[in-house]
Amino acid sequence: MSSGPSDAGGNPPPVTIHTWLEPFNKQKPHSFVKATAPVDAENWISHMEKIFDVMGCEDAF
């Protein structure tokens, strides 16, 4: 038996917003300021969703 912490068996540390934010910012997400047409907002959402997919982000974030 191990005398270490219960997650010492190789379980990854829990993901927090802080551990997620740095890699997210490295993806250089576009800022959303305004949209002159609905398609502008849709394109921004699509861009953000692609970043989330690449990062393997769960819906919880």
PDB file of N, CA and C in Angstrom:
ATOM      1  N   MET A   1       0.835  -1.190   0.000  1.00  0.00           N
ATOM      2  CA  MET A   1       0.000   0.000   0.000  1.00  0.00           C
ATOM      3  C   MET A   1       0.870   1.241   0.000  1.00  0.00           C
ATOM      4  N   SER A   2       0.339   2.257  -0.568  1.00  0.00           N
ATOM      5  CA  SER A   2       1.057   3.524  -0.644  1.00  0.00           C
ATOM      6  C   SER A   2       0.638   4.416   0.508  1.00  0.00           C
ATOM      7  N   SER A   3       1.566   5.199   1.008  1.00  0.00           N
ATOM      8  CA  SER A   3       1.238   6.125   2.085  1.00  0.00           C
ATOM      9  C   SER A   3       1.011   7.537   1.563  1.00  0.00           C
ATOM     10  N   GLY A   4       0.997   7.693   0.218  1.00  0.00           N
ATOM     11  CA  GLY A   4       0.825   9.011  -0.383  1.00  0.00           C
ATOM     12  C   GLY A   4      -0.632   9.403  -0.495  1.00  0.00           C
ATOM     13  N   PRO A   5      -0.893  10.531  -1.142  1.00  0.00           N
ATOM     14  CA  PRO A   5      -2.265  11.002  -1.331  1.00  0.00           C
ATOM     15  C   PRO A   5      -3.071  10.004  -2.153  1.00  0.00           C
ATOM     16  N   SER A   6      -4.382  10.074  -2.014  1.00  0.00           N
ATOM     17  CA  SER A   6      -5.249   9.101  -2.665  1.00  0.00           C
ATOM     18  C   SER A   6      -5.173   9.170  -4.184  1.00  0.00           C
ATOM     19  N   ASP A   7      -4.778  10.281  -4.761  1.00  0.00           N
ATOM     20  CA  ASP A   7      -4.692  10.369  -6.219  1.00  0.00           C
ATOM     21  C   ASP A   7      -3.272  10.132  -6.727  1.00  0.00           C
ATOM     22  N   ALA A   8      -2.405   9.604  -5.895  1.00  0.00           N
ATOM     23  CA  ALA A   8      -1.026   9.350  -6.293  1.00  0.00           C
ATOM     24  C   ALA A   8      -0.925   8.174  -7.259  1.00  0.00           C
ATOM     25  N   GLY A   9      -2.024   7.503  -7.517  1.00  0.00           N
ATOM     26  CA  GLY A   9      -2.024   6.360  -8.411  1.00  0.00           C
ATOM     27  C   GLY A   9      -2.009   6.739  -9.870  1.00  0.00           C
ATOM     28  N   GLY A  10      -1.684   7.953 -10.206  1.00  0.00           N
ATOM     29  CA  GLY A  10      -1.586   8.361 -11.596  1.00  0.00           C
ATOM     30  C   GLY A  10      -2.774   9.155 -12.097  1.00  0.00           C
ATOM     31  N   ASN A  11      -3.737   9.416 -11.251  1.00  0.00           N
ATOM     32  CA  ASN A  11      -4.868  10.229 -11.683  1.00  0.00           C
ATOM     33  C   ASN A  11      -4.400  11.657 -11.923  1.00  0.00           C
ATOM     34  N   PRO A  12      -4.837  12.273 -13.020  1.00  0.00           N
ATOM     35  CA  PRO A  12      -4.423  13.655 -13.280  1.00  0.00           C
ATOM     36  C   PRO A  12      -5.060  14.606 -12.273  1.00  0.00           C
ATOM     37  N   PRO A  13      -4.419  15.739 -12.037  1.00  0.00           N
ATOM     38  CA  PRO A  13      -5.024  16.718 -11.130  1.00  0.00           C
ATOM     39  C   PRO A  13      -6.308  17.260 -11.750  1.00  0.00           C
ATOM     40  N   PRO A  14      -7.237  17.713 -10.930  1.00  0.00           N
ATOM     41  CA  PRO A  14      -8.483  18.248 -11.477  1.00  0.00           C
ATOM     42  C   PRO A  14      -8.214  19.485 -12.338  1.00  0.00           C
ATOM     43  N   VAL A  15      -8.990  19.629 -13.385  1.00  0.00           N
ATOM     44  CA  VAL A  15      -8.847  20.782 -14.272  1.00  0.00           C
ATOM     45  C   VAL A  15      -9.605  21.948 -13.663  1.00  0.00           C
ATOM     46  N   THR A  16      -8.921  23.064 -13.528  1.00  0.00           N
ATOM     47  CA  THR A  16      -9.563  24.277 -13.039  1.00  0.00           C
ATOM     48  C   THR A  16      -9.501  25.324 -14.148  1.00  0.00           C
ATOM     49  N   ILE A  17     -10.198  26.390 -13.972  1.00  0.00           N
ATOM     50  CA  ILE A  17     -10.199  27.457 -14.972  1.00  0.00           C
ATOM     51  C   ILE A  17      -8.786  27.995 -15.168  1.00  0.00           C
ATOM     52  N   HIS A  18      -7.985  27.994 -14.118  1.00  0.00           N
ATOM     53  CA  HIS A  18      -6.627  28.534 -14.217  1.00  0.00           C
ATOM     54  C   HIS A  18      -5.714  27.642 -15.055  1.00  0.00           C
ATOM     55  N   THR A  19      -5.862  26.327 -14.924  1.00  0.00           N
ATOM     56  CA  THR A  19      -5.025  25.425 -15.716  1.00  0.00           C
ATOM     57  C   THR A  19      -5.481  25.386 -17.166  1.00  0.00           C
ATOM     58  N   TRP A  20      -6.700  25.783 -17.420  1.00  0.00           N
ATOM     59  CA  TRP A  20      -7.273  25.763 -18.756  1.00  0.00           C
ATOM     60  C   TRP A  20      -7.036  27.075 -19.497  1.00  0.00           C
ATOM     61  N   LEU A  21      -6.983  28.183 -18.773  1.00  0.00           N
ATOM     62  CA  LEU A  21      -6.936  29.507 -19.393  1.00  0.00           C
ATOM     63  C   LEU A  21      -5.658  29.774 -20.173  1.00  0.00           C
ATOM     64  N   GLU A  22      -4.516  29.361 -19.667  1.00  0.00           N
ATOM     65  CA  GLU A  22      -3.256  29.620 -20.377  1.00  0.00           C
ATOM     66  C   GLU A  22      -3.219  28.930 -21.743  1.00  0.00           C
ATOM     67  N   PRO A  23      -3.510  27.625 -21.819  1.00  0.00           N
ATOM     68  CA  PRO A  23      -3.525  26.985 -23.146  1.00  0.00           C
ATOM     69  C   PRO A  23      -4.602  27.584 -24.062  1.00  0.00           C
ATOM     70  N   PHE A  24      -5.726  27.994 -23.477  1.00  0.00           N
ATOM     71  CA  PHE A  24      -6.785  28.620 -24.272  1.00  0.00           C
ATOM     72  C   PHE A  24      -6.278  29.910 -24.907  1.00  0.00           C
ATOM     73  N   ASN A  25      -5.612  30.745 -24.130  1.00  0.00           N
ATOM     74  CA  ASN A  25      -5.096  32.010 -24.656  1.00  0.00           C
ATOM     75  C   ASN A  25      -4.024  31.803 -25.714  1.00  0.00           C
ATOM     76  N   LYS A  26      -3.296  30.701 -25.633  1.00  0.00           N
ATOM     77  CA  LYS A  26      -2.285  30.402 -26.649  1.00  0.00           C
ATOM     78  C   LYS A  26      -2.919  30.122 -28.009  1.00  0.00           C
ATOM     79  N   GLN A  27      -4.203  29.800 -28.037  1.00  0.00           N
ATOM     80  CA  GLN A  27      -4.919  29.570 -29.290  1.00  0.00           C
ATOM     81  C   GLN A  27      -5.305  30.888 -29.974  1.00  0.00           C
ATOM     82  N   LYS A  28      -5.030  32.002 -29.314  1.00  0.00           N
ATOM     83  CA  LYS A  28      -5.315  33.346 -29.820  1.00  0.00           C
ATOM     84  C   LYS A  28      -6.789  33.512 -30.238  1.00  0.00           C
ATOM     85  N   PRO A  29      -7.694  33.367 -29.266  1.00  0.00           N
ATOM     86  CA  PRO A  29      -9.111  33.514 -29.590  1.00  0.00           C
ATOM     87  C   PRO A  29      -9.426  34.948 -30.016  1.00  0.00           C
ATOM     88  N   HIS A  30     -10.319  35.066 -30.963  1.00  0.00           N
ATOM     89  CA  HIS A  30     -10.747  36.391 -31.414  1.00  0.00           C
ATOM     90  C   HIS A  30     -11.642  37.016 -30.355  1.00  0.00           C
ATOM     91  N   SER A  31     -11.522  38.320 -30.185  1.00  0.00           N
ATOM     92  CA  SER A  31     -12.416  39.045 -29.289  1.00  0.00           C
ATOM     93  C   SER A  31     -13.704  39.359 -30.033  1.00  0.00           C
ATOM     94  N   PHE A  32     -14.805  39.356 -29.306  1.00  0.00           N
ATOM     95  CA  PHE A  32     -16.079  39.730 -29.909  1.00  0.00           C
ATOM     96  C   PHE A  32     -16.437  41.106 -29.395  1.00  0.00           C
ATOM     97  N   VAL A  33     -16.516  42.055 -30.311  1.00  0.00           N
ATOM     98  CA  VAL A  33     -16.834  43.425 -29.935  1.00  0.00           C
ATOM     99  C   VAL A  33     -18.253  43.769 -30.357  1.00  0.00           C
ATOM    100  N   LYS A  34     -18.532  43.575 -31.639  1.00  0.00           N
ATOM    101  CA  LYS A  34     -19.879  43.817 -32.143  1.00  0.00           C
ATOM    102  C   LYS A  34     -20.045  43.066 -33.453  1.00  0.00           C
ATOM    103  N   ALA A  35     -21.280  42.922 -33.844  1.00  0.00           N
ATOM    104  CA  ALA A  35     -21.579  42.255 -35.106  1.00  0.00           C
ATOM    105  C   ALA A  35     -22.503  43.160 -35.906  1.00  0.00           C
ATOM    106  N   THR A  36     -22.142  43.382 -37.156  1.00  0.00           N
ATOM    107  CA  THR A  36     -23.002  44.192 -38.018  1.00  0.00           C
ATOM    108  C   THR A  36     -24.053  43.328 -38.698  1.00  0.00           C
ATOM    109  N   ALA A  37     -23.837  42.022 -38.675  1.00  0.00           N
ATOM    110  CA  ALA A  37     -24.797  41.073 -39.242  1.00  0.00           C
ATOM    111  C   ALA A  37     -24.765  39.808 -38.389  1.00  0.00           C
ATOM    112  N   PRO A  38     -25.874  39.086 -38.345  1.00  0.00           N
ATOM    113  CA  PRO A  38     -25.904  37.852 -37.551  1.00  0.00           C
ATOM    114  C   PRO A  38     -24.795  36.867 -37.913  1.00  0.00           C
ATOM    115  N   VAL A  39     -24.398  36.838 -39.169  1.00  0.00           N
ATOM    116  CA  VAL A  39     -23.354  35.902 -39.587  1.00  0.00           C
ATOM    117  C   VAL A  39     -22.024  36.208 -38.900  1.00  0.00           C
ATOM    118  N   ASP A  40     -21.779  37.467 -38.553  1.00  0.00           N
ATOM    119  CA  ASP A  40     -20.548  37.822 -37.834  1.00  0.00           C
ATOM    120  C   ASP A  40     -20.508  37.145 -36.465  1.00  0.00           C
ATOM    121  N   ALA A  41     -21.623  37.169 -35.760  1.00  0.00           N
ATOM    122  CA  ALA A  41     -21.702  36.511 -34.455  1.00  0.00           C
ATOM    123  C   ALA A  41     -21.592  34.998 -34.611  1.00  0.00           C
ATOM    124  N   GLU A  42     -22.245  34.456 -35.625  1.00  0.00           N
ATOM    125  CA  GLU A  42     -22.182  33.013 -35.867  1.00  0.00           C
ATOM    126  C   GLU A  42     -20.753  32.568 -36.175  1.00  0.00           C
ATOM    127  N   ASN A  43     -20.027  33.361 -36.945  1.00  0.00           N
ATOM    128  CA  ASN A  43     -18.638  33.027 -37.265  1.00  0.00           C
ATOM    129  C   ASN A  43     -17.757  33.061 -36.017  1.00  0.00           C
ATOM    130  N   TRP A  44     -17.991  34.022 -35.142  1.00  0.00           N
ATOM    131  CA  TRP A  44     -17.219  34.098 -33.906  1.00  0.00           C
ATOM    132  C   TRP A  44     -17.501  32.882 -33.021  1.00  0.00           C
ATOM    133  N   ILE A  45     -18.766  32.531 -32.899  1.00  0.00           N
ATOM    134  CA  ILE A  45     -19.136  31.353 -32.107  1.00  0.00           C
ATOM    135  C   ILE A  45     -18.476  30.107 -32.680  1.00  0.00           C
ATOM    136  N   SER A  46     -18.488  29.974 -33.990  1.00  0.00           N
ATOM    137  CA  SER A  46     -17.856  28.826 -34.643  1.00  0.00           C
ATOM    138  C   SER A  46     -16.360  28.788 -34.340  1.00  0.00           C
ATOM    139  N   HIS A  47     -15.709  29.936 -34.406  1.00  0.00           N
ATOM    140  CA  HIS A  47     -14.279  30.035 -34.095  1.00  0.00           C
ATOM    141  C   HIS A  47     -14.008  29.578 -32.659  1.00  0.00           C
ATOM    142  N   MET A  48     -14.809  30.044 -31.723  1.00  0.00           N
ATOM    143  CA  MET A  48     -14.619  29.679 -30.325  1.00  0.00           C
ATOM    144  C   MET A  48     -14.870  28.189 -30.107  1.00  0.00           C
ATOM    145  N   GLU A  49     -15.897  27.650 -30.739  1.00  0.00           N
ATOM    146  CA  GLU A  49     -16.200  26.225 -30.588  1.00  0.00           C
ATOM    147  C   GLU A  49     -15.072  25.355 -31.128  1.00  0.00           C
ATOM    148  N   LYS A  50     -14.423  25.795 -32.202  1.00  0.00           N
ATOM    149  CA  LYS A  50     -13.288  25.042 -32.740  1.00  0.00           C
ATOM    150  C   LYS A  50     -12.148  25.002 -31.730  1.00  0.00           C
ATOM    151  N   ILE A  51     -11.892  26.121 -31.072  1.00  0.00           N
ATOM    152  CA  ILE A  51     -10.849  26.157 -30.048  1.00  0.00           C
ATOM    153  C   ILE A  51     -11.207  25.202 -28.911  1.00  0.00           C
ATOM    154  N   PHE A  52     -12.457  25.244 -28.465  1.00  0.00           N
ATOM    155  CA  PHE A  52     -12.883  24.356 -27.385  1.00  0.00           C
ATOM    156  C   PHE A  52     -12.723  22.893 -27.785  1.00  0.00           C
ATOM    157  N   ASP A  53     -13.076  22.566 -29.029  1.00  0.00           N
ATOM    158  CA  ASP A  53     -12.937  21.189 -29.508  1.00  0.00           C
ATOM    159  C   ASP A  53     -11.478  20.754 -29.530  1.00  0.00           C
ATOM    160  N   VAL A  54     -10.607  21.621 -30.045  1.00  0.00           N
ATOM    161  CA  VAL A  54      -9.180  21.299 -30.119  1.00  0.00           C
ATOM    162  C   VAL A  54      -8.615  21.047 -28.721  1.00  0.00           C
ATOM    163  N   MET A  55      -9.078  21.809 -27.759  1.00  0.00           N
ATOM    164  CA  MET A  55      -8.576  21.679 -26.397  1.00  0.00           C
ATOM    165  C   MET A  55      -9.228  20.536 -25.633  1.00  0.00           C
ATOM    166  N   GLY A  56     -10.266  19.938 -26.201  1.00  0.00           N
ATOM    167  CA  GLY A  56     -10.970  18.872 -25.498  1.00  0.00           C
ATOM    168  C   GLY A  56     -11.756  19.389 -24.312  1.00  0.00           C
ATOM    169  N   CYS A  57     -12.247  20.600 -24.443  1.00  0.00           N
ATOM    170  CA  CYS A  57     -12.963  21.254 -23.353  1.00  0.00           C
ATOM    171  C   CYS A  57     -14.350  20.638 -23.173  1.00  0.00           C
ATOM    172  N   GLU A  58     -14.688  20.349 -21.926  1.00  0.00           N
ATOM    173  CA  GLU A  58     -16.009  19.840 -21.617  1.00  0.00           C
ATOM    174  C   GLU A  58     -16.996  20.999 -21.553  1.00  0.00           C
ATOM    175  N   ASP A  59     -18.271  20.690 -21.657  1.00  0.00           N
ATOM    176  CA  ASP A  59     -19.301  21.715 -21.625  1.00  0.00           C
ATOM    177  C   ASP A  59     -19.363  22.451 -20.288  1.00  0.00           C
ATOM    178  N   ALA A  60     -18.781  21.880 -19.242  1.00  0.00           N
ATOM    179  CA  ALA A  60     -18.820  22.510 -17.920  1.00  0.00           C
ATOM    180  C   ALA A  60     -18.138  23.868 -17.918  1.00  0.00           C
ATOM    181  N   PHE A  61     -17.139  24.048 -18.802  1.00  0.00           N
ATOM    182  CA  PHE A  61     -16.460  25.330 -18.878  1.00  0.00           C
ATOM    183  C   PHE A  61     -17.099  26.147 -19.940  1.00  0.00           C
TER     184      PHE A  61
END
